PDB file of N, CA and C in Angstrom:
ATOM      1  N   MET A   1      65.059  36.944  66.628  1.00  0.00           N
ATOM      2  CA  MET A   1      65.672  38.230  66.057  1.00  0.00           C
ATOM      3  C   MET A   1      66.313  38.019  64.600  1.00  0.00           C
ATOM      4  N   ASP A   2      66.106  39.116  63.748  1.00  0.00           N
ATOM      5  CA  ASP A   2      66.447  38.991  62.674  1.00  0.00           C
ATOM      6  C   ASP A   2      67.935  39.157  62.552  1.00  0.00           C
ATOM      7  N   SER A   3      68.618  38.545  61.634  1.00  0.00           N
ATOM      8  CA  SER A   3      69.980  38.393  61.675  1.00  0.00           C
ATOM      9  C   SER A   3      70.938  39.809  61.089  1.00  0.00           C
ATOM     10  N   THR A   4      70.107  40.851  60.710  1.00  0.00           N
ATOM     11  CA  THR A   4      70.661  41.859  60.290  1.00  0.00           C
ATOM     12  C   THR A   4      70.358  43.139  61.378  1.00  0.00           C
ATOM     13  N   GLN A   5      69.854  42.763  62.595  1.00  0.00           N
ATOM     14  CA  GLN A   5      69.464  43.485  63.746  1.00  0.00           C
ATOM     15  C   GLN A   5      70.453  43.533  64.793  1.00  0.00           C
ATOM     16  N   GLN A   6      71.204  44.586  65.028  1.00  0.00           N
ATOM     17  CA  GLN A   6      72.205  44.544  66.175  1.00  0.00           C
ATOM     18  C   GLN A   6      71.471  44.308  67.662  1.00  0.00           C
ATOM     19  N   PRO A   7      71.996  43.680  68.381  1.00  0.00           N
ATOM     20  CA  PRO A   7      71.492  43.682  69.575  1.00  0.00           C
ATOM     21  C   PRO A   7      71.467  44.768  70.581  1.00  0.00           C
ATOM     22  N   PHE A   8      70.442  45.069  71.401  1.00  0.00           N
ATOM     23  CA  PHE A   8      70.170  46.408  72.041  1.00  0.00           C
ATOM     24  C   PHE A   8      71.310  46.573  73.107  1.00  0.00           C
ATOM     25  N   ASP A   9      71.909  47.677  73.046  1.00  0.00           N
ATOM     26  CA  ASP A   9      73.181  48.057  74.184  1.00  0.00           C
ATOM     27  C   ASP A   9      72.550  49.368  74.877  1.00  0.00           C
ATOM     28  N   ARG A  10      72.849  49.176  76.164  1.00  0.00           N
ATOM     29  CA  ARG A  10      72.568  50.424  77.201  1.00  0.00           C
ATOM     30  C   ARG A  10      73.668  50.622  78.177  1.00  0.00           C
ATOM     31  N   PHE A  11      73.664  51.576  78.670  1.00  0.00           N
ATOM     32  CA  PHE A  11      74.801  52.074  79.714  1.00  0.00           C
ATOM     33  C   PHE A  11      74.148  51.378  81.015  1.00  0.00           C
ATOM     34  N   ILE A  12      75.017  50.931  81.931  1.00  0.00           N
ATOM     35  CA  ILE A  12      74.953  50.505  83.153  1.00  0.00           C
ATOM     36  C   ILE A  12      75.710  50.844  84.085  1.00  0.00           C
ATOM     37  N   PRO A  13      75.252  51.250  85.438  1.00  0.00           N
ATOM     38  CA  PRO A  13      76.147  51.515  86.638  1.00  0.00           C
ATOM     39  C   PRO A  13      76.836  50.602  87.169  1.00  0.00           C
ATOM     40  N   ILE A  14      77.895  50.963  87.919  1.00  0.00           N
ATOM     41  CA  ILE A  14      78.871  49.811  88.593  1.00  0.00           C
ATOM     42  C   ILE A  14      78.139  48.922  89.392  1.00  0.00           C
ATOM     43  N   LYS A  15      76.731  49.480  90.003  1.00  0.00           N
ATOM     44  CA  LYS A  15      76.244  48.479  90.921  1.00  0.00           C
ATOM     45  C   LYS A  15      75.631  47.300  89.752  1.00  0.00           C
ATOM     46  N   GLU A  16      74.972  47.527  88.930  1.00  0.00           N
ATOM     47  CA  GLU A  16      74.740  46.398  87.818  1.00  0.00           C
ATOM     48  C   GLU A  16      75.923  45.723  87.248  1.00  0.00           C
ATOM     49  N   VAL A  17      76.873  46.386  86.899  1.00  0.00           N
ATOM     50  CA  VAL A  17      78.243  45.375  86.555  1.00  0.00           C
ATOM     51  C   VAL A  17      78.500  44.572  87.806  1.00  0.00           C
ATOM     52  N   MET A  18      78.489  45.064  88.936  1.00  0.00           N
ATOM     53  CA  MET A  18      79.047  44.025  90.057  1.00  0.00           C
ATOM     54  C   MET A  18      77.896  42.951  90.236  1.00  0.00           C
ATOM     55  N   HIS A  19      76.852  43.149  89.844  1.00  0.00           N
ATOM     56  CA  HIS A  19      75.524  42.035  90.035  1.00  0.00           C
ATOM     57  C   HIS A  19      75.587  41.266  88.924  1.00  0.00           C
ATOM     58  N   ILE A  20      76.084  41.649  87.704  1.00  0.00           N
ATOM     59  CA  ILE A  20      75.990  40.601  86.473  1.00  0.00           C
ATOM     60  C   ILE A  20      77.422  39.985  86.633  1.00  0.00           C
ATOM     61  N   SER A  21      78.501  40.566  86.848  1.00  0.00           N
ATOM     62  CA  SER A  21      79.769  39.706  86.987  1.00  0.00           C
ATOM     63  C   SER A  21      80.044  39.133  88.294  1.00  0.00           C
ATOM     64  N   SER A  22      79.431  39.564  89.142  1.00  0.00           N
ATOM     65  CA  SER A  22      79.733  38.802  90.442  1.00  0.00           C
ATOM     66  C   SER A  22      81.258  39.131  91.041  1.00  0.00           C
ATOM     67  N   ILE A  23      81.390  40.429  90.620  1.00  0.00           N
ATOM     68  CA  ILE A  23      82.837  41.073  91.089  1.00  0.00           C
ATOM     69  C   ILE A  23      82.746  42.289  91.758  1.00  0.00           C
ATOM     70  N   SER A  24      83.577  42.269  92.948  1.00  0.00           N
ATOM     71  CA  SER A  24      83.569  43.639  93.719  1.00  0.00           C
ATOM     72  C   SER A  24      83.865  44.799  93.054  1.00  0.00           C
ATOM     73  N   GLN A  25      83.516  46.013  93.300  1.00  0.00           N
ATOM     74  CA  GLN A  25      83.788  47.135  92.712  1.00  0.00           C
ATOM     75  C   GLN A  25      85.649  47.474  92.780  1.00  0.00           C
ATOM     76  N   SER A  26      86.283  47.112  93.997  1.00  0.00           N
ATOM     77  CA  SER A  26      87.706  47.264  93.885  1.00  0.00           C
ATOM     78  C   SER A  26      88.345  46.227  92.871  1.00  0.00           C
ATOM     79  N   GLN A  27      87.708  45.089  92.632  1.00  0.00           N
ATOM     80  CA  GLN A  27      88.147  44.040  91.782  1.00  0.00           C
ATOM     81  C   GLN A  27      88.006  44.555  90.270  1.00  0.00           C
ATOM     82  N   ILE A  28      86.782  45.156  90.038  1.00  0.00           N
ATOM     83  CA  ILE A  28      86.749  45.631  88.613  1.00  0.00           C
ATOM     84  C   ILE A  28      87.679  46.603  88.190  1.00  0.00           C
ATOM     85  N   TYR A  29      87.914  47.674  89.186  1.00  0.00           N
ATOM     86  CA  TYR A  29      88.816  48.667  89.014  1.00  0.00           C
ATOM     87  C   TYR A  29      90.321  48.271  88.600  1.00  0.00           C
ATOM     88  N   ALA A  30      90.677  47.180  89.554  1.00  0.00           N
ATOM     89  CA  ALA A  30      91.605  46.462  89.416  1.00  0.00           C
ATOM     90  C   ALA A  30      91.971  45.608  87.918  1.00  0.00           C
ATOM     91  N   LEU A  31      90.900  45.095  87.597  1.00  0.00           N
ATOM     92  CA  LEU A  31      91.140  44.661  86.115  1.00  0.00           C
ATOM     93  C   LEU A  31      90.810  45.567  85.114  1.00  0.00           C
ATOM     94  N   ILE A  32      90.588  46.626  85.107  1.00  0.00           N
ATOM     95  CA  ILE A  32      90.321  47.536  84.429  1.00  0.00           C
ATOM     96  C   ILE A  32      91.844  48.376  84.309  1.00  0.00           C
ATOM     97  N   ARG A  33      92.486  48.548  85.442  1.00  0.00           N
ATOM     98  CA  ARG A  33      93.918  48.985  85.256  1.00  0.00           C
ATOM     99  C   ARG A  33      95.053  47.926  84.570  1.00  0.00           C
ATOM    100  N   LEU A  34      94.549  46.866  84.645  1.00  0.00           N
ATOM    101  CA  LEU A  34      95.490  45.715  83.961  1.00  0.00           C
ATOM    102  C   LEU A  34      95.029  45.587  82.522  1.00  0.00           C
ATOM    103  N   GLY A  35      93.908  46.092  82.084  1.00  0.00           N
ATOM    104  CA  GLY A  35      93.348  46.109  80.766  1.00  0.00           C
ATOM    105  C   GLY A  35      92.729  44.771  80.381  1.00  0.00           C
ATOM    106  N   LYS A  36      92.179  44.201  81.556  1.00  0.00           N
ATOM    107  CA  LYS A  36      91.508  42.869  81.299  1.00  0.00           C
ATOM    108  C   LYS A  36      89.984  43.014  81.618  1.00  0.00           C
ATOM    109  N   PHE A  37      89.367  44.121  81.833  1.00  0.00           N
ATOM    110  CA  PHE A  37      87.920  44.415  81.932  1.00  0.00           C
ATOM    111  C   PHE A  37      87.529  45.718  80.897  1.00  0.00           C
ATOM    112  N   PRO A  38      86.413  45.719  80.456  1.00  0.00           N
ATOM    113  CA  PRO A  38      85.917  46.981  79.853  1.00  0.00           C
ATOM    114  C   PRO A  38      86.096  48.352  80.718  1.00  0.00           C
ATOM    115  N   LYS A  39      86.484  49.283  79.977  1.00  0.00           N
ATOM    116  CA  LYS A  39      86.539  50.499  80.536  1.00  0.00           C
ATOM    117  C   LYS A  39      85.107  51.188  80.590  1.00  0.00           C
ATOM    118  N   PRO A  40      84.878  52.119  81.571  1.00  0.00           N
ATOM    119  CA  PRO A  40      83.590  52.549  81.530  1.00  0.00           C
ATOM    120  C   PRO A  40      83.771  53.832  80.656  1.00  0.00           C
ATOM    121  N   TYR A  41      82.509  54.457  80.224  1.00  0.00           N
ATOM    122  CA  TYR A  41      82.270  55.681  79.646  1.00  0.00           C
ATOM    123  C   TYR A  41      82.109  56.820  80.460  1.00  0.00           C
ATOM    124  N   ASN A  42      82.457  57.872  80.185  1.00  0.00           N
ATOM    125  CA  ASN A  42      82.333  59.049  80.869  1.00  0.00           C
ATOM    126  C   ASN A  42      81.257  59.758  80.238  1.00  0.00           C
ATOM    127  N   LEU A  43      80.138  59.844  81.019  1.00  0.00           N
ATOM    128  CA  LEU A  43      78.873  60.446  80.103  1.00  0.00           C
ATOM    129  C   LEU A  43      78.666  62.020  80.918  1.00  0.00           C
ATOM    130  N   SER A  44      79.495  62.490  81.526  1.00  0.00           N
ATOM    131  CA  SER A  44      79.340  63.849  81.901  1.00  0.00           C
ATOM    132  C   SER A  44      79.971  64.775  81.348  1.00  0.00           C
ATOM    133  N   GLU A  45      79.343  65.891  81.318  1.00  0.00           N
ATOM    134  CA  GLU A  45      79.694  66.930  80.016  1.00  0.00           C
ATOM    135  C   GLU A  45      81.032  67.859  80.946  1.00  0.00           C
ATOM    136  N   LYS A  46      81.026  67.767  82.146  1.00  0.00           N
ATOM    137  CA  LYS A  46      82.176  68.550  82.796  1.00  0.00           C
ATOM    138  C   LYS A  46      82.999  67.417  83.541  1.00  0.00           C
ATOM    139  N   GLN A  47      84.687  67.806  83.516  1.00  0.00           N
ATOM    140  CA  GLN A  47      85.568  66.837  83.996  1.00  0.00           C
ATOM    141  C   GLN A  47      85.214  66.651  85.378  1.00  0.00           C
ATOM    142  N   SER A  48      84.718  67.774  86.063  1.00  0.00           N
ATOM    143  CA  SER A  48      84.703  67.413  87.535  1.00  0.00           C
ATOM    144  C   SER A  48      83.735  66.859  88.147  1.00  0.00           C
ATOM    145  N   SER A  49      82.505  66.416  87.201  1.00  0.00           N
ATOM    146  CA  SER A  49      81.591  65.684  87.971  1.00  0.00           C
ATOM    147  C   SER A  49      81.647  64.015  87.169  1.00  0.00           C
ATOM    148  N   ARG A  50      81.398  63.176  87.997  1.00  0.00           N
ATOM    149  CA  ARG A  50      81.635  61.883  87.608  1.00  0.00           C
ATOM    150  C   ARG A  50      80.289  61.141  87.238  1.00  0.00           C
ATOM    151  N   CYS A  51      80.312  60.484  85.980  1.00  0.00           N
ATOM    152  CA  CYS A  51      79.005  59.904  85.519  1.00  0.00           C
ATOM    153  C   CYS A  51      79.662  58.990  84.745  1.00  0.00           C
ATOM    154  N   SER A  52      80.223  57.753  85.193  1.00  0.00           N
ATOM    155  CA  SER A  52      80.773  56.703  84.480  1.00  0.00           C
ATOM    156  C   SER A  52      79.929  55.412  84.511  1.00  0.00           C
ATOM    157  N   ARG A  53      79.726  54.919  83.038  1.00  0.00           N
ATOM    158  CA  ARG A  53      78.498  53.836  82.920  1.00  0.00           C
ATOM    159  C   ARG A  53      79.391  52.888  81.908  1.00  0.00           C
ATOM    160  N   TRP A  54      78.989  51.614  81.831  1.00  0.00           N
ATOM    161  CA  TRP A  54      79.506  50.551  81.217  1.00  0.00           C
ATOM    162  C   TRP A  54      78.419  50.039  80.054  1.00  0.00           C
ATOM    163  N   SER A  55      79.089  49.752  79.008  1.00  0.00           N
ATOM    164  CA  SER A  55      78.333  49.118  77.868  1.00  0.00           C
ATOM    165  C   SER A  55      77.804  47.710  78.288  1.00  0.00           C
ATOM    166  N   PHE A  56      76.493  47.663  78.419  1.00  0.00           N
ATOM    167  CA  PHE A  56      75.789  46.309  78.669  1.00  0.00           C
ATOM    168  C   PHE A  56      76.599  45.024  77.919  1.00  0.00           C
ATOM    169  N   LEU A  57      76.622  45.225  76.525  1.00  0.00           N
ATOM    170  CA  LEU A  57      77.214  44.438  75.792  1.00  0.00           C
ATOM    171  C   LEU A  57      78.533  43.915  76.149  1.00  0.00           C
ATOM    172  N   GLU A  58      79.319  45.060  76.304  1.00  0.00           N
ATOM    173  CA  GLU A  58      80.841  44.790  76.457  1.00  0.00           C
ATOM    174  C   GLU A  58      81.036  44.175  77.639  1.00  0.00           C
ATOM    175  N   VAL A  59      80.516  44.225  78.836  1.00  0.00           N
ATOM    176  CA  VAL A  59      80.524  43.593  79.900  1.00  0.00           C
ATOM    177  C   VAL A  59      80.003  42.050  79.713  1.00  0.00           C
ATOM    178  N   HIS A  60      79.049  41.869  78.745  1.00  0.00           N
ATOM    179  CA  HIS A  60      78.674  40.555  78.600  1.00  0.00           C
ATOM    180  C   HIS A  60      79.335  39.658  77.570  1.00  0.00           C
ATOM    181  N   GLU A  61      79.885  40.585  76.614  1.00  0.00           N
ATOM    182  CA  GLU A  61      81.066  39.918  75.958  1.00  0.00           C
ATOM    183  C   GLU A  61      82.362  39.457  76.617  1.00  0.00           C
ATOM    184  N   TRP A  62      82.556  40.272  77.563  1.00  0.00           N
ATOM    185  CA  TRP A  62      83.837  39.803  78.486  1.00  0.00           C
ATOM    186  C   TRP A  62      83.292  38.419  79.335  1.00  0.00           C
ATOM    187  N   LEU A  63      82.106  38.428  79.915  1.00  0.00           N
ATOM    188  CA  LEU A  63      81.646  37.363  80.431  1.00  0.00           C
ATOM    189  C   LEU A  63      81.766  36.088  79.512  1.00  0.00           C
ATOM    190  N   ALA A  64      81.264  36.336  78.291  1.00  0.00           N
ATOM    191  CA  ALA A  64      81.123  35.337  77.434  1.00  0.00           C
ATOM    192  C   ALA A  64      82.795  34.651  77.145  1.00  0.00           C
ATOM    193  N   GLU A  65      83.615  35.554  76.950  1.00  0.00           N
ATOM    194  CA  GLU A  65      85.074  35.252  76.697  1.00  0.00           C
ATOM    195  C   GLU A  65      85.463  34.328  77.750  1.00  0.00           C
ATOM    196  N   LYS A  66      85.327  34.756  79.392  1.00  0.00           N
ATOM    197  CA  LYS A  66      85.761  34.122  80.339  1.00  0.00           C
ATOM    198  C   LYS A  66      85.047  32.684  80.264  1.00  0.00           C
ATOM    199  N   ILE A  67      83.933  32.509  79.863  1.00  0.00           N
ATOM    200  CA  ILE A  67      83.180  31.356  80.063  1.00  0.00           C
ATOM    201  C   ILE A  67      83.889  30.365  78.856  1.00  0.00           C
ATOM    202  N   ALA A  68      83.855  31.085  77.623  1.00  0.00           N
ATOM    203  CA  ALA A  68      84.652  30.126  76.686  1.00  0.00           C
ATOM    204  C   ALA A  68      86.180  29.869  76.933  1.00  0.00           C
ATOM    205  N   ALA A  69      86.715  30.581  77.539  1.00  0.00           N
ATOM    206  CA  ALA A  69      88.159  30.214  77.841  1.00  0.00           C
ATOM    207  C   ALA A  69      88.167  29.013  78.957  1.00  0.00           C
ATOM    208  N   GLN A  70      87.164  29.339  79.807  1.00  0.00           N
ATOM    209  CA  GLN A  70      87.082  28.062  81.003  1.00  0.00           C
ATOM    210  C   GLN A  70      86.594  26.687  80.469  1.00  0.00           C
ATOM    211  N   LYS A  71      85.786  26.848  79.347  1.00  0.00           N
ATOM    212  CA  LYS A  71      85.421  25.699  78.579  1.00  0.00           C
ATOM    213  C   LYS A  71      86.684  25.020  77.951  1.00  0.00           C
ATOM    214  N   ALA A  72      87.579  25.696  77.300  1.00  0.00           N
ATOM    215  CA  ALA A  72      88.705  25.324  76.459  1.00  0.00           C
ATOM    216  C   ALA A  72      89.488  24.796  77.147  1.00  0.00           C
ATOM    217  N   ALA A  73      89.800  25.211  78.665  1.00  0.00           N
ATOM    218  CA  ALA A  73      90.909  24.779  79.265  1.00  0.00           C
ATOM    219  C   ALA A  73      90.834  23.387  79.769  1.00  0.00           C
TER     220      ALA A  73
END
């Protein structure tokens, strides 16, 4: 990959977030409330409908930070 090219990002659903992180849905939302996990983006036009997705890159950055912290300990 060219150094000027940005990595590709995409929106992912909660099931994929759970698969990537190996964390349950309830634990993900608990971490979000504590400010320790990336917040989802609301993609719906109406407030009444729910369409939340996470940034693939933000979830992977969170994982990379966790791995780096574990290695530094």
